[in-house]
Amino acid sequence: MEAIKLVARAITQDLNREESNVIEAIGKGTEFLFKFILFLGIPFFLFVLSQFFKLL
């Protein structure tokens, strides 16, 4: 239980710093997910457009 308290305290102290490692890691993860979704979304959007124009 004491180890969990120490980890929680370390994370809390890190989040309160100006250059937080946790916030940087979350930012990098979010940036990666955005690029991944964009990379997969463009071909899907082109496919939907092509199917739409086939209907016309």
N, C-alpha and C. Protein backbone atom coordinates (compact mmCIF):
# COMPACT_ATOMS: atom_id res chain seq x y z
N MET A 1 0.82 -1.19 0.00
CA MET A 1 0.00 0.00 0.00
C MET A 1 0.87 1.26 0.00
N GLU A 2 1.99 1.15 0.69
CA GLU A 2 2.90 2.31 0.76
C GLU A 2 3.51 2.59 -0.62
N ALA A 3 3.75 1.53 -1.38
CA ALA A 3 4.33 1.70 -2.72
C ALA A 3 3.36 2.44 -3.63
N ILE A 4 2.07 2.13 -3.50
CA ILE A 4 1.06 2.82 -4.32
C ILE A 4 1.01 4.30 -3.96
N LYS A 5 1.13 4.60 -2.67
CA LYS A 5 1.13 6.00 -2.24
C LYS A 5 2.34 6.74 -2.80
N LEU A 6 3.49 6.08 -2.82
CA LEU A 6 4.70 6.71 -3.35
C LEU A 6 4.57 6.97 -4.85
N VAL A 7 4.00 6.02 -5.58
CA VAL A 7 3.80 6.20 -7.02
C VAL A 7 2.82 7.33 -7.28
N ALA A 8 1.72 7.35 -6.53
CA ALA A 8 0.72 8.40 -6.70
C ALA A 8 1.32 9.77 -6.38
N ARG A 9 2.13 9.84 -5.35
CA ARG A 9 2.76 11.11 -4.98
C ARG A 9 3.74 11.56 -6.07
N ALA A 10 4.50 10.61 -6.64
CA ALA A 10 5.45 10.95 -7.70
C ALA A 10 4.73 11.45 -8.94
N ILE A 11 3.63 10.80 -9.29
CA ILE A 11 2.85 11.24 -10.46
C ILE A 11 2.25 12.61 -10.21
N THR A 12 1.74 12.84 -9.00
CA THR A 12 1.16 14.14 -8.66
C THR A 12 2.20 15.24 -8.75
N GLN A 13 3.38 14.97 -8.23
CA GLN A 13 4.45 15.97 -8.29
C GLN A 13 4.87 16.23 -9.73
N ASP A 14 4.91 15.18 -10.54
CA ASP A 14 5.27 15.34 -11.95
C ASP A 14 4.24 16.17 -12.69
N LEU A 15 2.96 15.93 -12.42
CA LEU A 15 1.90 16.68 -13.11
C LEU A 15 1.92 18.15 -12.73
N ASN A 16 2.41 18.48 -11.55
CA ASN A 16 2.45 19.87 -11.12
C ASN A 16 3.66 20.63 -11.66
N ARG A 17 4.61 19.92 -12.25
CA ARG A 17 5.76 20.59 -12.83
C ARG A 17 5.40 21.24 -14.15
N GLU A 18 6.23 22.18 -14.56
CA GLU A 18 5.98 22.89 -15.82
C GLU A 18 6.20 21.97 -17.02
N GLU A 19 7.25 21.15 -16.98
CA GLU A 19 7.57 20.23 -18.08
C GLU A 19 7.29 18.80 -17.61
N SER A 20 6.04 18.44 -17.52
CA SER A 20 5.63 17.15 -16.99
C SER A 20 5.88 16.04 -18.01
N ASN A 21 6.48 14.96 -17.55
CA ASN A 21 6.73 13.80 -18.42
C ASN A 21 5.44 13.09 -18.76
N VAL A 22 4.51 13.03 -17.81
CA VAL A 22 3.24 12.35 -18.04
C VAL A 22 2.43 13.09 -19.11
N ILE A 23 2.37 14.40 -19.00
CA ILE A 23 1.61 15.19 -19.97
C ILE A 23 2.26 15.11 -21.35
N GLU A 24 3.58 15.10 -21.40
CA GLU A 24 4.27 14.95 -22.70
C GLU A 24 3.95 13.60 -23.32
N ALA A 25 3.94 12.53 -22.51
CA ALA A 25 3.64 11.20 -23.03
C ALA A 25 2.21 11.12 -23.55
N ILE A 26 1.27 11.70 -22.81
CA ILE A 26 -0.12 11.69 -23.24
C ILE A 26 -0.27 12.51 -24.52
N GLY A 27 0.45 13.62 -24.61
CA GLY A 27 0.42 14.44 -25.82
C GLY A 27 0.95 13.70 -27.03
N LYS A 28 2.04 12.97 -26.85
CA LYS A 28 2.60 12.19 -27.96
C LYS A 28 1.65 11.08 -28.38
N GLY A 29 0.99 10.45 -27.41
CA GLY A 29 0.03 9.40 -27.73
C GLY A 29 -1.16 9.96 -28.49
N THR A 30 -1.64 11.11 -28.08
CA THR A 30 -2.76 11.74 -28.76
C THR A 30 -2.37 12.14 -30.18
N GLU A 31 -1.18 12.67 -30.32
CA GLU A 31 -0.68 13.06 -31.64
C GLU A 31 -0.58 11.85 -32.57
N PHE A 32 -0.08 10.73 -32.04
CA PHE A 32 0.02 9.50 -32.83
C PHE A 32 -1.36 9.02 -33.25
N LEU A 33 -2.32 9.01 -32.31
CA LEU A 33 -3.67 8.54 -32.65
C LEU A 33 -4.31 9.42 -33.71
N PHE A 34 -4.11 10.73 -33.62
CA PHE A 34 -4.66 11.64 -34.63
C PHE A 34 -4.09 11.33 -36.00
N LYS A 35 -2.78 11.15 -36.08
CA LYS A 35 -2.15 10.84 -37.37
C LYS A 35 -2.61 9.48 -37.90
N PHE A 36 -2.78 8.52 -37.01
CA PHE A 36 -3.22 7.19 -37.40
C PHE A 36 -4.64 7.24 -37.95
N ILE A 37 -5.53 7.93 -37.27
CA ILE A 37 -6.91 8.05 -37.73
C ILE A 37 -6.97 8.81 -39.04
N LEU A 38 -6.18 9.86 -39.16
CA LEU A 38 -6.15 10.62 -40.40
C LEU A 38 -5.62 9.77 -41.55
N PHE A 39 -4.58 8.98 -41.28
CA PHE A 39 -4.01 8.10 -42.29
C PHE A 39 -5.02 7.08 -42.78
N LEU A 40 -5.81 6.53 -41.86
CA LEU A 40 -6.81 5.53 -42.25
C LEU A 40 -8.11 6.18 -42.75
N GLY A 41 -8.37 7.40 -42.35
CA GLY A 41 -9.62 8.06 -42.70
C GLY A 41 -9.66 8.58 -44.12
N ILE A 42 -8.55 9.02 -44.65
CA ILE A 42 -8.52 9.58 -46.00
C ILE A 42 -8.88 8.52 -47.05
N PRO A 43 -8.28 7.33 -47.02
CA PRO A 43 -8.69 6.32 -48.01
C PRO A 43 -10.16 5.91 -47.85
N PHE A 44 -10.64 5.83 -46.63
CA PHE A 44 -12.05 5.49 -46.41
C PHE A 44 -12.95 6.57 -46.97
N PHE A 45 -12.59 7.82 -46.76
CA PHE A 45 -13.38 8.93 -47.30
C PHE A 45 -13.41 8.89 -48.83
N LEU A 46 -12.28 8.60 -49.45
CA LEU A 46 -12.23 8.48 -50.91
C LEU A 46 -13.09 7.32 -51.39
N PHE A 47 -13.09 6.21 -50.66
CA PHE A 47 -13.93 5.08 -51.01
C PHE A 47 -15.41 5.46 -50.92
N VAL A 48 -15.81 6.15 -49.86
CA VAL A 48 -17.20 6.56 -49.71
C VAL A 48 -17.60 7.51 -50.84
N LEU A 49 -16.72 8.43 -51.19
CA LEU A 49 -17.01 9.33 -52.30
C LEU A 49 -17.18 8.58 -53.61
N SER A 50 -16.31 7.61 -53.84
CA SER A 50 -16.44 6.85 -55.10
C SER A 50 -17.73 6.06 -55.13
N GLN A 51 -18.16 5.49 -54.01
CA GLN A 51 -19.43 4.76 -53.97
C GLN A 51 -20.61 5.70 -54.15
N PHE A 52 -20.50 6.90 -53.61
CA PHE A 52 -21.56 7.88 -53.75
C PHE A 52 -21.73 8.29 -55.21
N PHE A 53 -20.61 8.52 -55.90
CA PHE A 53 -20.70 8.96 -57.29
C PHE A 53 -21.11 7.82 -58.22
N LYS A 54 -20.93 6.57 -57.80
CA LYS A 54 -21.44 5.45 -58.57
C LYS A 54 -22.96 5.39 -58.53
N LEU A 55 -23.54 5.87 -57.45
CA LEU A 55 -25.01 5.90 -57.33
C LEU A 55 -25.65 6.92 -58.25
N LEU A 56 -24.91 7.98 -58.55
CA LEU A 56 -25.48 9.05 -59.39
C LEU A 56 -25.42 8.71 -60.82
